[in-house]
């Protein structure tokens, strides 16, 4: 495939779609040798205690793709019973103001999804995980699953929740939301399901528009949402920006509630530019068989590696620059993205 065809196929496109992130993710355990994905995977698979995990890294460092890839690996397994509710914290900020509001938000989401805890995102993640030849690590099936696998479990608890709603057992009052959520969880667990809440997109609370520094919502996130999930023994994963450290809410959660800390490592140059693997994942996710070397020159990769560290390990910025540099190279009728194309984009961005 030519560079022009790759540009038309949006091969270097930046995405926030959970499924696209999972598909494009190149495992840090492979690139850096650190068992990043395995740590999170094991935390979500433990039977003796609920998962209370934080995935820590700067904006754009790969937190979301790491989380979604592990979720896809679990979803693609043979009926582990996990039911994943993936929340964009930035879109649900108003629900973090107190525990009752957050519980009411979850209850409302479950009801709006046809009394299903997980969304269609999990269905699509299952396909990603099932197609992968290399999962995060081999795992035994969760002991709590019911016969018939996840679809059977899901249909059973959906029916039970719908019946409870029609009988006005839950879903009528925001003030009763915590009790409602607790009842929903009991029904799900009785049917063999294992609820998991993923709270992503928390970076939107760092330097939000019109504010200098961190949003007060950071404290609300941990004092209200994380604490509630912990008290209800719900498996959860929360994305954490390093700048959350030192805030009252985060520090309380870190010392009392969070059990697993997964840190996104920097991509260090170990004989080969690590961005080669990152871009290869994006090409693969778009069904492009061409190796990175057939589209992006080594000199361009080296300049992009400088962008990676200059922008605080922001892979999203690397992709933005790569996409624009590829379009520029095509305009110059070059078969490869060269260092000059990346330099042109950087000059445009600084003007």
Protein backbone atom coordinates (compact mmCIF):
# COMPACT_ATOMS: atom_id res chain seq x y z
CA UNK A 1 0.00 0.00 0.00
CA UNK A 2 1.28 3.45 -0.88
CA UNK A 3 1.54 6.35 1.54
CA UNK A 4 -1.24 8.14 -0.35
CA UNK A 5 -3.55 5.14 0.13
CA UNK A 6 -2.65 4.98 3.82
CA UNK A 7 -3.55 8.67 4.21
CA UNK A 8 -6.90 8.09 2.52
CA UNK A 9 -7.49 5.17 4.92
CA UNK A 10 -6.81 7.48 7.91
CA UNK A 11 -4.06 5.12 9.04
CA UNK A 12 -2.65 7.57 11.59
CA UNK A 13 -5.97 8.98 12.73
CA UNK A 14 -6.37 9.90 16.38
CA UNK A 15 -9.34 8.15 17.99
CA UNK A 16 -11.10 8.05 21.35
CA UNK A 17 -13.29 5.07 20.47
CA UNK A 18 -12.62 2.33 23.08
CA UNK A 19 -12.69 -0.45 20.51
CA UNK A 20 -10.32 1.32 18.11
CA UNK A 21 -7.98 2.02 21.04
CA UNK A 22 -7.98 -1.65 22.04
CA UNK A 23 -7.34 -2.75 18.48
CA UNK A 24 -4.44 -0.33 17.95
CA UNK A 25 -2.79 -0.87 21.34
CA UNK A 26 0.73 -2.25 21.29
CA UNK A 27 1.37 -3.86 24.64
CA UNK A 28 3.83 -2.10 26.89
CA UNK A 29 4.90 -5.51 28.14
CA UNK A 30 6.23 -6.20 24.64
CA UNK A 31 7.71 -2.76 23.94
CA UNK A 32 9.25 -2.09 27.36
CA UNK A 33 9.41 -5.51 29.01
CA UNK A 34 7.33 -4.26 31.95
CA UNK A 35 4.27 -6.34 32.85
CA UNK A 36 1.86 -3.43 32.64
CA UNK A 37 -1.13 -5.14 31.05
CA UNK A 38 -0.60 -8.32 33.08
CA UNK A 39 -0.85 -6.42 36.38
CA UNK A 40 -4.22 -4.97 35.48
CA UNK A 41 -5.42 -8.25 34.00
CA UNK A 42 -4.60 -10.16 37.19
CA UNK A 43 -6.29 -7.53 39.37
CA UNK A 44 -9.51 -7.88 37.38
CA UNK A 45 -9.38 -11.67 37.54
CA UNK A 46 -8.89 -12.06 41.30
CA UNK A 47 -11.64 -13.93 43.12
CA UNK A 48 -10.64 -13.12 46.68
CA UNK A 49 -11.02 -9.34 46.56
CA UNK A 50 -12.62 -6.75 44.30
CA UNK A 51 -10.37 -5.00 41.81
CA UNK A 52 -9.59 -1.42 42.87
CA UNK A 53 -7.03 -0.36 40.28
CA UNK A 54 -5.56 2.92 39.14
CA UNK A 55 -3.77 3.25 35.81
CA UNK A 56 -1.39 6.19 36.10
CA UNK A 57 0.21 8.19 33.32
CA UNK A 58 0.39 11.64 31.69
CA UNK A 59 -2.15 12.75 29.12
CA UNK A 60 -1.80 10.77 25.90
CA UNK A 61 0.68 8.27 27.37
CA UNK A 62 -1.51 5.25 26.64
CA UNK A 63 -3.72 4.84 29.73
CA UNK A 64 -6.95 4.48 27.79
CA UNK A 65 -5.61 2.10 25.16
CA UNK A 66 -4.00 -0.06 27.85
CA UNK A 67 -7.24 -0.26 29.84
CA UNK A 68 -9.33 -1.01 26.75
CA UNK A 69 -6.92 -3.66 25.53
CA UNK A 70 -7.06 -5.50 28.86
CA UNK A 71 -10.85 -5.16 28.86
CA UNK A 72 -10.97 -6.62 25.36
CA UNK A 73 -8.76 -9.54 26.41
CA UNK A 74 -11.11 -10.30 29.29
CA UNK A 75 -14.23 -9.77 27.18
CA UNK A 76 -12.85 -12.11 24.53
CA UNK A 77 -12.27 -14.92 27.01
CA UNK A 78 -14.61 -17.86 27.28
CA UNK A 79 -17.38 -16.42 29.42
CA UNK A 80 -15.67 -15.00 32.50
CA UNK A 81 -18.86 -13.27 33.62
CA UNK A 82 -17.39 -9.76 33.62
CA UNK A 83 -19.92 -7.07 32.70
CA UNK A 84 -18.10 -3.80 31.99
CA UNK A 85 -19.64 -0.37 32.27
CA UNK A 86 -17.25 2.12 30.66
CA UNK A 87 -17.74 5.72 31.78
CA UNK A 88 -16.20 8.84 30.30
CA UNK A 89 -15.65 10.86 33.47
CA UNK A 90 -15.53 14.09 31.52
CA UNK A 91 -19.05 13.50 30.22
CA UNK A 92 -20.36 12.53 33.65
CA UNK A 93 -18.72 15.25 35.76
CA UNK A 94 -22.01 16.50 37.20
CA UNK A 95 -22.75 13.03 38.57
CA UNK A 96 -19.59 13.07 40.70
CA UNK A 97 -20.77 15.81 43.05
CA UNK A 98 -21.96 13.34 45.69
CA UNK A 99 -22.30 9.55 46.09
CA UNK A 100 -26.07 9.58 45.60
CA UNK A 101 -25.75 11.49 42.33
CA UNK A 102 -23.16 9.02 41.07
CA UNK A 103 -25.26 6.03 42.10
CA UNK A 104 -28.30 7.60 40.43
CA UNK A 105 -26.26 8.12 37.25
CA UNK A 106 -25.24 4.45 37.16
CA UNK A 107 -28.81 3.30 37.80
CA UNK A 108 -30.05 5.59 35.04
CA UNK A 109 -27.40 4.34 32.61
CA UNK A 110 -28.30 0.71 33.34
CA UNK A 111 -32.00 1.40 32.83
CA UNK A 112 -31.37 3.31 29.58
CA UNK A 113 -29.35 0.35 28.27
CA UNK A 114 -32.29 -2.00 28.55
CA UNK A 115 -31.35 -3.11 32.09
CA UNK A 116 -27.93 -4.18 30.93
CA UNK A 117 -24.86 -3.18 32.96
CA UNK A 118 -22.43 -3.30 30.05
CA UNK A 119 -22.81 -1.36 26.82
CA UNK A 120 -22.48 -2.39 23.20
CA UNK A 121 -18.82 -1.39 23.58
CA UNK A 122 -18.25 -4.65 25.45
CA UNK A 123 -19.77 -6.62 22.56
CA UNK A 124 -17.32 -5.00 20.18
CA UNK A 125 -14.43 -5.44 22.61
CA UNK A 126 -15.27 -9.14 22.78
CA UNK A 127 -14.66 -9.38 19.04
CA UNK A 128 -11.27 -7.67 19.37
CA UNK A 129 -10.21 -9.94 22.22
CA UNK A 130 -11.46 -13.09 20.54
CA UNK A 131 -9.52 -12.33 17.34
CA UNK A 132 -6.20 -11.74 19.09
CA UNK A 133 -3.79 -14.64 18.95
CA UNK A 134 -1.89 -13.33 21.97
CA UNK A 135 -3.93 -12.39 25.03
CA UNK A 136 -2.49 -10.63 28.04
CA UNK A 137 -1.91 -13.92 29.83
CA UNK A 138 -3.57 -17.33 30.18
CA UNK A 139 -6.24 -17.31 32.86
CA UNK A 140 -8.58 -19.72 34.55
CA UNK A 141 -12.27 -19.08 34.17
CA UNK A 142 -13.87 -17.05 36.95
CA UNK A 143 -15.52 -19.34 39.48
CA UNK A 144 -18.69 -17.27 39.68
CA UNK A 145 -19.82 -17.66 36.10
CA UNK A 146 -23.05 -19.45 35.32
CA UNK A 147 -23.57 -22.19 32.78
CA UNK A 148 -24.31 -20.89 29.32
CA UNK A 149 -21.66 -18.17 29.33
CA UNK A 150 -22.01 -14.40 29.39
CA UNK A 151 -25.02 -14.11 27.02
CA UNK A 152 -27.03 -16.47 29.24
CA UNK A 153 -25.97 -14.67 32.41
CA UNK A 154 -26.78 -11.31 30.86
CA UNK A 155 -30.24 -12.33 29.68
CA UNK A 156 -31.01 -13.72 33.12
CA UNK A 157 -30.03 -10.63 35.10
CA UNK A 158 -31.59 -8.29 32.52
CA UNK A 159 -34.93 -10.02 32.98
CA UNK A 160 -34.62 -9.87 36.78
CA UNK A 161 -33.73 -6.16 36.73
CA UNK A 162 -36.57 -5.34 34.37
CA UNK A 163 -39.02 -7.15 36.63
CA UNK A 164 -37.71 -5.29 39.68
CA UNK A 165 -38.04 -1.96 37.90
CA UNK A 166 -41.61 -2.65 36.83
CA UNK A 167 -42.46 -3.56 40.42
CA UNK A 168 -40.95 -0.22 41.49
CA UNK A 169 -38.25 -1.94 43.51
CA UNK A 170 -35.69 0.49 42.10
CA UNK A 171 -35.26 3.45 39.77
CA UNK A 172 -37.84 5.79 41.27
CA UNK A 173 -35.84 8.20 43.40
CA UNK A 174 -32.40 9.82 43.33
CA UNK A 175 -32.38 9.73 47.14
CA UNK A 176 -32.78 5.96 47.04
CA UNK A 177 -30.15 5.52 44.32
CA UNK A 178 -27.45 3.96 46.50
CA UNK A 179 -29.83 1.29 47.73
CA UNK A 180 -31.08 0.78 44.18
CA UNK A 181 -27.55 0.29 42.89
CA UNK A 182 -26.80 -2.15 45.69
CA UNK A 183 -29.92 -4.15 44.80
CA UNK A 184 -28.94 -4.20 41.13
CA UNK A 185 -25.49 -5.53 42.00
CA UNK A 186 -27.01 -8.25 44.19
CA UNK A 187 -29.26 -9.39 41.34
CA UNK A 188 -26.36 -9.45 38.88
CA UNK A 189 -24.09 -11.39 41.21
CA UNK A 190 -26.83 -13.86 42.03
CA UNK A 191 -27.08 -14.58 38.30
CA UNK A 192 -23.32 -15.15 37.97
CA UNK A 193 -22.32 -11.77 36.53
CA UNK A 194 -19.32 -9.78 37.74
CA UNK A 195 -19.86 -5.99 37.41
CA UNK A 196 -16.85 -3.85 36.48
CA UNK A 197 -16.83 -0.04 36.25
CA UNK A 198 -14.13 1.60 34.13
CA UNK A 199 -13.72 5.35 34.71
CA UNK A 200 -11.73 6.81 31.84
CA UNK A 201 -11.17 10.26 30.37
CA UNK A 202 -10.25 11.82 33.72
CA UNK A 203 -7.55 13.95 32.06
CA UNK A 204 -10.29 16.41 31.20
CA UNK A 205 -10.07 17.57 34.82
CA UNK A 206 -6.47 18.75 34.23
CA UNK A 207 -6.29 22.40 33.13
CA UNK A 208 -9.93 22.46 31.96
CA UNK A 209 -11.03 25.40 29.77
CA UNK A 210 -11.38 28.55 31.82
CA UNK A 211 -9.61 27.09 34.86
CA UNK A 212 -5.99 27.15 35.96
CA UNK A 213 -4.77 23.86 37.39
CA UNK A 214 -6.96 20.97 38.49
CA UNK A 215 -10.73 21.01 38.54
CA UNK A 216 -12.38 20.46 41.96
CA UNK A 217 -14.02 17.49 40.24
CA UNK A 218 -10.83 15.50 40.90
CA UNK A 219 -11.69 15.40 44.61
CA UNK A 220 -15.32 14.52 43.82
CA UNK A 221 -14.16 11.64 41.62
CA UNK A 222 -12.32 9.92 44.45
CA UNK A 223 -14.31 11.01 47.50
CA UNK A 224 -17.67 10.15 45.95
CA UNK A 225 -17.43 7.78 42.97
CA UNK A 226 -14.37 5.70 43.89
CA UNK A 227 -15.39 5.46 47.54
CA UNK A 228 -18.92 4.33 46.63
CA UNK A 229 -17.64 1.62 44.29
CA UNK A 230 -15.22 0.45 46.97
CA UNK A 231 -17.92 0.32 49.64
CA UNK A 232 -20.14 -1.74 47.33
CA UNK A 233 -17.20 -4.05 46.49
CA UNK A 234 -17.52 -3.35 42.76
CA UNK A 235 -14.52 -4.11 40.56
CA UNK A 236 -13.29 -0.82 39.13
CA UNK A 237 -10.45 0.71 37.15
CA UNK A 238 -9.81 4.45 37.16
CA UNK A 239 -7.45 6.41 34.90
CA UNK A 240 -5.24 8.74 36.95
CA UNK A 241 -3.13 11.70 35.83
CA UNK A 242 0.11 12.16 37.85
CA UNK A 243 -1.00 15.67 38.78
CA UNK A 244 -3.81 14.19 40.87
CA UNK A 245 -1.14 13.32 43.44
CA UNK A 246 -1.33 15.59 46.45
CA UNK A 247 -5.05 16.32 46.17
CA UNK A 248 -7.02 15.37 49.27
CA UNK A 249 -9.45 13.10 47.46
CA UNK A 250 -6.82 11.14 45.58
CA UNK A 251 -4.48 10.75 48.55
CA UNK A 252 -7.30 9.41 50.72
CA UNK A 253 -8.25 6.92 48.01
CA UNK A 254 -4.63 5.93 47.39
CA UNK A 255 -3.98 5.07 51.03
CA UNK A 256 -7.36 3.54 51.90
CA UNK A 257 -9.14 2.27 48.81
CA UNK A 258 -6.88 1.62 45.82
CA UNK A 259 -5.16 -1.78 45.80
CA UNK A 260 -3.43 -1.97 42.44
CA UNK A 261 -1.28 0.75 40.90
CA UNK A 262 -0.35 0.30 37.25
CA UNK A 263 2.05 2.91 35.89
CA UNK A 264 2.36 3.57 32.17
CA UNK A 265 6.11 3.44 31.44
CA UNK A 266 8.00 5.82 29.17
CA UNK A 267 8.92 4.42 25.77
CA UNK A 268 12.70 4.32 25.81
CA UNK A 269 14.91 3.92 22.77
CA UNK A 270 16.40 0.44 23.14
CA UNK A 271 18.08 -0.25 19.83
CA UNK A 272 14.94 0.47 17.85
CA UNK A 273 12.64 3.45 17.88
CA UNK A 274 9.63 2.38 20.02
CA UNK A 275 7.32 4.54 17.93
CA UNK A 276 7.76 1.96 15.19
CA UNK A 277 5.67 -0.45 17.27
CA UNK A 278 3.10 2.23 18.16
CA UNK A 279 2.52 3.19 14.53
CA UNK A 280 2.48 -0.48 13.51
CA UNK A 281 -0.47 -0.99 15.85
CA UNK A 282 -2.39 1.81 14.18
CA UNK A 283 -1.65 0.43 10.73
CA UNK A 284 -2.79 -3.01 11.84
CA UNK A 285 -6.00 -1.63 13.32
CA UNK A 286 -6.84 -0.13 9.92
CA UNK A 287 -6.11 -3.38 8.13
CA UNK A 288 -2.99 -2.00 6.45
CA UNK A 289 -0.38 -4.75 5.92
CA UNK A 290 2.42 -2.34 4.98
CA UNK A 291 5.26 -2.18 7.55
CA UNK A 292 5.96 1.19 9.12
CA UNK A 293 9.28 1.33 7.27
CA UNK A 294 7.35 1.32 4.00
CA UNK A 295 5.51 4.53 4.95
CA UNK A 296 7.62 6.45 7.48
CA UNK A 297 11.37 6.95 7.22
CA UNK A 298 13.77 6.41 10.12
CA UNK A 299 14.66 10.10 10.18
CA UNK A 300 11.00 11.05 10.55
CA UNK A 301 10.59 8.53 13.38
CA UNK A 302 13.53 10.07 15.20
CA UNK A 303 12.02 13.56 14.97
CA UNK A 304 8.67 12.17 16.14
CA UNK A 305 10.42 10.55 19.09
CA UNK A 306 11.61 14.02 20.05
CA UNK A 307 8.00 15.20 19.86
CA UNK A 308 6.98 12.36 22.18
CA UNK A 309 9.21 13.55 25.01
CA UNK A 310 8.88 17.26 24.27
CA UNK A 311 5.11 16.91 24.69
CA UNK A 312 5.32 14.99 27.97
CA UNK A 313 5.09 11.47 26.48
CA UNK A 314 1.93 12.36 24.58
CA UNK A 315 1.33 9.71 21.92
CA UNK A 316 -1.78 11.53 20.78
CA UNK A 317 0.36 14.48 19.77
CA UNK A 318 2.72 12.10 17.97
CA UNK A 319 -0.23 10.76 15.96
CA UNK A 320 -1.52 14.26 15.19
CA UNK A 321 1.88 15.30 13.86
CA UNK A 322 2.34 12.03 11.96
CA UNK A 323 -1.04 12.36 10.27
CA UNK A 324 -0.31 15.90 9.11
CA UNK A 325 3.24 15.02 8.07
CA UNK A 326 1.94 12.10 6.00
CA UNK A 327 -0.52 14.39 4.21
CA UNK A 328 2.29 16.87 3.56
CA UNK A 329 4.55 14.13 2.18
CA UNK A 330 1.80 13.00 -0.19
CA UNK A 331 1.39 16.59 -1.34
CA UNK A 332 5.11 16.67 -2.08
CA UNK A 333 4.79 13.36 -3.98
CA UNK A 334 7.11 11.56 -1.60
CA UNK A 335 6.70 7.80 -1.04
CA UNK A 336 7.72 8.07 2.63
CA UNK A 337 7.18 10.52 5.45
CA UNK A 338 10.58 12.13 5.90
CA UNK A 339 12.11 14.23 8.66
CA UNK A 340 11.48 17.34 6.55
CA UNK A 341 7.73 16.64 6.55
CA UNK A 342 7.63 16.36 10.33
CA UNK A 343 9.72 19.52 10.65
CA UNK A 344 7.29 21.35 8.35
CA UNK A 345 4.35 20.37 10.58
CA UNK A 346 6.17 21.44 13.74
CA UNK A 347 7.00 24.79 12.17
CA UNK A 348 3.34 25.25 11.24
CA UNK A 349 2.25 24.45 14.79
CA UNK A 350 4.64 26.96 16.34
CA UNK A 351 3.77 29.85 13.99
